[in-house]
Amino acid sequence: MNTPSRKARWGCPLGTIQEWVSNFGRKIFRRRFNHFVPVKLDQVLRYLRYGVLAWVLYMTVVTGKLIFAEYDPYFALFSFWTSEASLSGLVILGVTLGLSLFVERPWCKYACPYGAVLGITNLFRVFGIRRNENTCKADGACSIMCPMNIPVDSVKVVRDHQCISCLECTSEAVCPVAKTVQFATRGAK
């Protein structure tokens, strides 16, 4: 099976930059890429972004200002050439891009407060990643391509709080059987 070239699918430029850097890491480390963090530690770290979200909300309410801009790598990415970029934001951006050589989308997985909001809504959304068990060959291709390391091949509906709906796992991308893994509504077959 040919694996397609990975490409950014949605609208987050920081995610796109992380994917570009990850392409170098994928070439350097091959199969080891995105598997440096032990599974148990990875599972714990994935809840860190909910702590970041709680901190951002708390500090915004308490101070009346969005102080997260000082630490936000997304903000630093688009303002590094201006005096608005803070040193801490630039450092976090650099660390994020450095980690992208080893881990797919480290900011998205472990620290993004917006990703935490999306993770909560993933639990209740109408459209989602659905796997047709009747046509699935269970070869694991969909799980291997998942940048968030979600075991897509072992669930009927992906309701994981880490799913970023990148569609890397869908039939159009990797599955040899059409319409086996789809982004669809609850009633779709």
C-alpha atoms as a PDB file:
ATOM      1  CA  MET A   1       0.000   0.000   0.000  1.00  0.00           C
ATOM      2  CA  ASN A   2       1.357   3.421  -0.888  1.00  0.00           C
ATOM      3  CA  THR A   3       1.245   5.901   1.937  1.00  0.00           C
ATOM      4  CA  PRO A   4       0.197   9.340   0.802  1.00  0.00           C
ATOM      5  CA  SER A   5       2.217  12.417   1.477  1.00  0.00           C
ATOM      6  CA  ARG A   6       1.133  14.003   4.723  1.00  0.00           C
ATOM      7  CA  LYS A   7      -0.258  17.487   4.442  1.00  0.00           C
ATOM      8  CA  ALA A   8      -1.898  20.009   6.664  1.00  0.00           C
ATOM      9  CA  ARG A   9      -5.631  19.740   6.363  1.00  0.00           C
ATOM     10  CA  TRP A  10      -7.186  22.469   8.439  1.00  0.00           C
ATOM     11  CA  GLY A  11      -6.701  26.029   9.460  1.00  0.00           C
ATOM     12  CA  CYS A  12      -4.090  26.173  12.231  1.00  0.00           C
ATOM     13  CA  PRO A  13      -0.845  27.613  10.881  1.00  0.00           C
ATOM     14  CA  LEU A  14       1.081  26.491  13.973  1.00  0.00           C
ATOM     15  CA  GLY A  15      -0.089  22.917  13.339  1.00  0.00           C
ATOM     16  CA  THR A  16       1.046  23.248   9.730  1.00  0.00           C
ATOM     17  CA  ILE A  17       4.499  24.486  10.767  1.00  0.00           C
ATOM     18  CA  GLN A  18       4.770  21.601  13.253  1.00  0.00           C
ATOM     19  CA  GLU A  19       3.911  19.157  10.451  1.00  0.00           C
ATOM     20  CA  TRP A  20       6.584  20.647   8.198  1.00  0.00           C
ATOM     21  CA  VAL A  21       9.209  20.229  10.920  1.00  0.00           C
ATOM     22  CA  SER A  22       7.861  16.741  11.658  1.00  0.00           C
ATOM     23  CA  ASN A  23       8.569  15.740   8.072  1.00  0.00           C
ATOM     24  CA  PHE A  24      12.293  16.127   8.814  1.00  0.00           C
ATOM     25  CA  GLY A  25      11.932  14.096  12.007  1.00  0.00           C
ATOM     26  CA  ARG A  26      10.052  11.394  10.111  1.00  0.00           C
ATOM     27  CA  LYS A  27      12.902  11.170   7.600  1.00  0.00           C
ATOM     28  CA  ILE A  28      15.575  11.082  10.311  1.00  0.00           C
ATOM     29  CA  PHE A  29      13.929   8.684  12.776  1.00  0.00           C
ATOM     30  CA  ARG A  30      11.620   6.738  10.431  1.00  0.00           C
ATOM     31  CA  ARG A  31       9.504   4.257  12.460  1.00  0.00           C
ATOM     32  CA  ARG A  32      10.746   5.570  15.788  1.00  0.00           C
ATOM     33  CA  PHE A  33       9.282   9.028  14.993  1.00  0.00           C
ATOM     34  CA  ASN A  34       6.255   9.874  17.153  1.00  0.00           C
ATOM     35  CA  HIS A  35       7.051   6.966  19.486  1.00  0.00           C
ATOM     36  CA  PHE A  36       9.724   8.533  21.719  1.00  0.00           C
ATOM     37  CA  VAL A  37       7.349   9.291  24.590  1.00  0.00           C
ATOM     38  CA  PRO A  38       6.428   6.149  26.563  1.00  0.00           C
ATOM     39  CA  VAL A  39       2.726   5.302  26.183  1.00  0.00           C
ATOM     40  CA  LYS A  40       1.858   5.708  29.893  1.00  0.00           C
ATOM     41  CA  LEU A  41       3.579   9.096  30.080  1.00  0.00           C
ATOM     42  CA  ASP A  42       1.956  10.157  26.802  1.00  0.00           C
ATOM     43  CA  GLN A  43      -1.493   9.330  28.190  1.00  0.00           C
ATOM     44  CA  VAL A  44      -0.862  11.517  31.241  1.00  0.00           C
ATOM     45  CA  LEU A  45       0.696  14.397  29.290  1.00  0.00           C
ATOM     46  CA  ARG A  46      -2.321  14.591  26.988  1.00  0.00           C
ATOM     47  CA  TYR A  47      -4.383  15.992  29.863  1.00  0.00           C
ATOM     48  CA  LEU A  48      -1.902  18.831  30.385  1.00  0.00           C
ATOM     49  CA  ARG A  49      -3.675  20.989  27.812  1.00  0.00           C
ATOM     50  CA  TYR A  50      -6.804  20.983  29.995  1.00  0.00           C
ATOM     51  CA  GLY A  51      -4.685  22.425  32.789  1.00  0.00           C
ATOM     52  CA  VAL A  52      -3.384  25.072  30.383  1.00  0.00           C
ATOM     53  CA  LEU A  53      -6.978  25.882  29.371  1.00  0.00           C
ATOM     54  CA  ALA A  54      -8.045  26.179  33.022  1.00  0.00           C
ATOM     55  CA  TRP A  55      -5.058  28.444  33.735  1.00  0.00           C
ATOM     56  CA  VAL A  56      -5.816  30.664  30.704  1.00  0.00           C
ATOM     57  CA  LEU A  57      -9.475  31.008  31.706  1.00  0.00           C
ATOM     58  CA  TYR A  58      -8.641  31.644  35.360  1.00  0.00           C
ATOM     59  CA  MET A  59      -5.969  34.256  34.622  1.00  0.00           C
ATOM     60  CA  THR A  60      -8.201  35.989  32.074  1.00  0.00           C
ATOM     61  CA  VAL A  61     -11.042  36.265  34.587  1.00  0.00           C
ATOM     62  CA  VAL A  62      -8.789  37.367  37.448  1.00  0.00           C
ATOM     63  CA  THR A  63      -6.698  39.920  35.531  1.00  0.00           C
ATOM     64  CA  GLY A  64      -9.233  41.017  32.932  1.00  0.00           C
ATOM     65  CA  LYS A  65      -6.491  40.627  30.302  1.00  0.00           C
ATOM     66  CA  LEU A  66      -5.464  37.833  27.976  1.00  0.00           C
ATOM     67  CA  ILE A  67      -2.012  37.287  29.456  1.00  0.00           C
ATOM     68  CA  PHE A  68      -1.632  34.031  27.521  1.00  0.00           C
ATOM     69  CA  ALA A  69      -0.375  36.038  24.531  1.00  0.00           C
ATOM     70  CA  GLU A  70       2.951  36.330  26.382  1.00  0.00           C
ATOM     71  CA  TYR A  71       3.328  32.528  26.317  1.00  0.00           C
ATOM     72  CA  ASP A  72       1.414  31.599  23.170  1.00  0.00           C
ATOM     73  CA  PRO A  73       3.648  30.112  20.434  1.00  0.00           C
ATOM     74  CA  TYR A  74       0.911  30.825  17.869  1.00  0.00           C
ATOM     75  CA  PHE A  75       1.066  34.533  18.715  1.00  0.00           C
ATOM     76  CA  ALA A  76       4.883  34.407  18.705  1.00  0.00           C
ATOM     77  CA  LEU A  77       4.874  32.750  15.264  1.00  0.00           C
ATOM     78  CA  PHE A  78       3.065  35.719  13.757  1.00  0.00           C
ATOM     79  CA  SER A  79       4.703  38.498  15.717  1.00  0.00           C
ATOM     80  CA  PHE A  80       8.337  37.396  16.124  1.00  0.00           C
ATOM     81  CA  TRP A  81       9.529  40.246  13.889  1.00  0.00           C
ATOM     82  CA  THR A  82       7.694  42.866  15.940  1.00  0.00           C
ATOM     83  CA  SER A  83       8.192  44.223  19.422  1.00  0.00           C
ATOM     84  CA  GLU A  84       4.919  42.543  20.462  1.00  0.00           C
ATOM     85  CA  ALA A  85       6.461  39.071  20.677  1.00  0.00           C
ATOM     86  CA  SER A  86       7.563  38.150  24.174  1.00  0.00           C
ATOM     87  CA  LEU A  87      10.714  36.195  24.896  1.00  0.00           C
ATOM     88  CA  SER A  88       8.736  33.456  26.674  1.00  0.00           C
ATOM     89  CA  GLY A  89       6.450  33.013  23.662  1.00  0.00           C
ATOM     90  CA  LEU A  90       9.439  32.784  21.331  1.00  0.00           C
ATOM     91  CA  VAL A  91      11.125  30.242  23.617  1.00  0.00           C
ATOM     92  CA  ILE A  92       7.961  28.113  23.754  1.00  0.00           C
ATOM     93  CA  LEU A  93       7.680  28.347  19.947  1.00  0.00           C
ATOM     94  CA  GLY A  94      11.308  27.208  19.594  1.00  0.00           C
ATOM     95  CA  VAL A  95      10.831  24.327  22.025  1.00  0.00           C
ATOM     96  CA  THR A  96       7.622  23.303  20.223  1.00  0.00           C
ATOM     97  CA  LEU A  97       9.342  23.262  16.836  1.00  0.00           C
ATOM     98  CA  GLY A  98      12.323  21.394  18.285  1.00  0.00           C
ATOM     99  CA  LEU A  99      10.044  18.766  19.807  1.00  0.00           C
ATOM    100  CA  SER A 100       8.277  18.453  16.436  1.00  0.00           C
ATOM    101  CA  LEU A 101      11.360  16.615  15.193  1.00  0.00           C
ATOM    102  CA  PHE A 102      10.510  13.780  17.615  1.00  0.00           C
ATOM    103  CA  VAL A 103       6.753  13.979  18.244  1.00  0.00           C
ATOM    104  CA  GLU A 104       3.933  14.780  15.856  1.00  0.00           C
ATOM    105  CA  ARG A 105       2.275  18.083  16.808  1.00  0.00           C
ATOM    106  CA  PRO A 106       3.583  18.351  20.382  1.00  0.00           C
ATOM    107  CA  TRP A 107       1.821  21.668  21.057  1.00  0.00           C
ATOM    108  CA  CYS A 108      -1.500  20.280  19.819  1.00  0.00           C
ATOM    109  CA  LYS A 109      -1.144  17.059  21.828  1.00  0.00           C
ATOM    110  CA  TYR A 110       0.089  18.406  25.112  1.00  0.00           C
ATOM    111  CA  ALA A 111      -0.456  22.142  25.590  1.00  0.00           C
ATOM    112  CA  CYS A 112      -2.905  23.855  23.219  1.00  0.00           C
ATOM    113  CA  PRO A 113      -5.862  25.355  25.141  1.00  0.00           C
ATOM    114  CA  TYR A 114      -7.907  25.621  21.943  1.00  0.00           C
ATOM    115  CA  GLY A 115      -7.185  21.937  21.318  1.00  0.00           C
ATOM    116  CA  ALA A 116      -8.608  21.256  24.784  1.00  0.00           C
ATOM    117  CA  VAL A 117     -11.827  23.040  23.839  1.00  0.00           C
ATOM    118  CA  LEU A 118     -11.998  21.015  20.615  1.00  0.00           C
ATOM    119  CA  GLY A 119     -11.297  17.838  22.593  1.00  0.00           C
ATOM    120  CA  ILE A 120     -14.321  18.470  24.782  1.00  0.00           C
ATOM    121  CA  THR A 121     -16.552  19.147  21.774  1.00  0.00           C
ATOM    122  CA  ASN A 122     -15.268  15.951  20.076  1.00  0.00           C
ATOM    123  CA  LEU A 123     -17.159  13.989  22.679  1.00  0.00           C
ATOM    124  CA  PHE A 124     -20.501  15.438  21.511  1.00  0.00           C
ATOM    125  CA  ARG A 125     -20.131  16.328  17.838  1.00  0.00           C
ATOM    126  CA  VAL A 126     -22.502  15.246  15.061  1.00  0.00           C
ATOM    127  CA  PHE A 127     -19.790  14.774  12.418  1.00  0.00           C
ATOM    128  CA  GLY A 128     -16.952  12.469  13.324  1.00  0.00           C
ATOM    129  CA  ILE A 129     -14.530   9.757  12.277  1.00  0.00           C
ATOM    130  CA  ARG A 130     -16.446   6.510  11.839  1.00  0.00           C
ATOM    131  CA  ARG A 131     -15.090   3.061  10.959  1.00  0.00           C
ATOM    132  CA  ASN A 132     -17.228   0.468   9.198  1.00  0.00           C
ATOM    133  CA  GLU A 133     -16.377  -2.784  10.989  1.00  0.00           C
ATOM    134  CA  ASN A 134     -17.873  -4.887   8.163  1.00  0.00           C
ATOM    135  CA  THR A 135     -15.405  -3.678   5.516  1.00  0.00           C
ATOM    136  CA  CYS A 136     -12.393  -3.044   7.772  1.00  0.00           C
ATOM    137  CA  LYS A 137      -9.360  -5.222   7.052  1.00  0.00           C
ATOM    138  CA  ALA A 138      -7.908  -4.385  10.496  1.00  0.00           C
ATOM    139  CA  ASP A 139      -4.444  -3.788   9.021  1.00  0.00           C
ATOM    140  CA  GLY A 140      -3.860  -0.805  11.309  1.00  0.00           C
ATOM    141  CA  ALA A 141      -3.044   1.667   8.523  1.00  0.00           C
ATOM    142  CA  CYS A 142      -5.541   4.187   9.879  1.00  0.00           C
ATOM    143  CA  SER A 143      -4.013   4.034  13.357  1.00  0.00           C
ATOM    144  CA  ILE A 144      -0.460   4.278  12.029  1.00  0.00           C
ATOM    145  CA  MET A 145      -1.266   7.452  10.100  1.00  0.00           C
ATOM    146  CA  CYS A 146      -2.987   9.135  13.040  1.00  0.00           C
ATOM    147  CA  PRO A 147      -0.719  11.990  14.194  1.00  0.00           C
ATOM    148  CA  MET A 148      -2.358  11.878  17.620  1.00  0.00           C
ATOM    149  CA  ASN A 149      -1.689   8.115  18.064  1.00  0.00           C
ATOM    150  CA  ILE A 150      -5.375   7.220  18.383  1.00  0.00           C
ATOM    151  CA  PRO A 151      -6.135   3.508  17.819  1.00  0.00           C
ATOM    152  CA  VAL A 152      -8.698   4.168  15.063  1.00  0.00           C
ATOM    153  CA  ASP A 153      -8.700   0.507  13.959  1.00  0.00           C
ATOM    154  CA  SER A 154     -10.082  -0.655  17.310  1.00  0.00           C
ATOM    155  CA  VAL A 155     -13.128   1.620  17.657  1.00  0.00           C
ATOM    156  CA  LYS A 156     -16.305   2.089  15.684  1.00  0.00           C
ATOM    157  CA  VAL A 157     -16.504   5.845  16.313  1.00  0.00           C
ATOM    158  CA  VAL A 158     -13.534   7.993  17.297  1.00  0.00           C
ATOM    159  CA  ARG A 159     -14.668   9.951  20.339  1.00  0.00           C
ATOM    160  CA  ASP A 160     -11.177  10.543  21.635  1.00  0.00           C
ATOM    161  CA  HIS A 161     -10.544  13.955  23.164  1.00  0.00           C
ATOM    162  CA  GLN A 162      -7.270  14.075  21.219  1.00  0.00           C
ATOM    163  CA  CYS A 163      -8.786  13.769  17.719  1.00  0.00           C
ATOM    164  CA  ILE A 164      -7.992  16.881  15.675  1.00  0.00           C
ATOM    165  CA  SER A 165     -10.070  15.749  12.657  1.00  0.00           C
ATOM    166  CA  CYS A 166      -7.070  15.885  10.324  1.00  0.00           C
ATOM    167  CA  LEU A 167      -8.596  13.024   8.267  1.00  0.00           C
ATOM    168  CA  GLU A 168      -5.249  11.208   7.937  1.00  0.00           C
ATOM    169  CA  CYS A 169      -7.021   7.978   8.924  1.00  0.00           C
ATOM    170  CA  THR A 170      -9.862   8.158   6.410  1.00  0.00           C
ATOM    171  CA  SER A 171     -10.378   5.881   3.440  1.00  0.00           C
ATOM    172  CA  GLU A 172      -9.472   8.668   1.061  1.00  0.00           C
ATOM    173  CA  ALA A 173      -6.033   8.872   2.655  1.00  0.00           C
ATOM    174  CA  VAL A 174      -4.836   5.381   3.641  1.00  0.00           C
ATOM    175  CA  CYS A 175      -7.484   2.700   3.814  1.00  0.00           C
ATOM    176  CA  PRO A 176      -7.490   0.306   0.849  1.00  0.00           C
ATOM    177  CA  VAL A 177     -11.262  -0.203   1.165  1.00  0.00           C
ATOM    178  CA  ALA A 178     -13.425   2.744   0.129  1.00  0.00           C
ATOM    179  CA  LYS A 179     -15.793   4.198   2.728  1.00  0.00           C
ATOM    180  CA  THR A 180     -14.383   2.128   5.588  1.00  0.00           C
ATOM    181  CA  VAL A 181     -13.088   5.052   7.653  1.00  0.00           C
ATOM    182  CA  GLN A 182     -15.007   8.260   7.002  1.00  0.00           C
ATOM    183  CA  PHE A 183     -15.716  11.704   8.389  1.00  0.00           C
ATOM    184  CA  ALA A 184     -19.500  11.458   8.488  1.00  0.00           C
ATOM    185  CA  THR A 185     -22.668  11.998  10.502  1.00  0.00           C
ATOM    186  CA  ARG A 186     -24.025   9.475  12.955  1.00  0.00           C
ATOM    187  CA  GLY A 187     -26.458   7.983  10.446  1.00  0.00           C
ATOM    188  CA  ALA A 188     -23.951   7.541   7.587  1.00  0.00           C
ATOM    189  CA  LYS A 189     -23.081   4.010   6.484  1.00  0.00           C
END
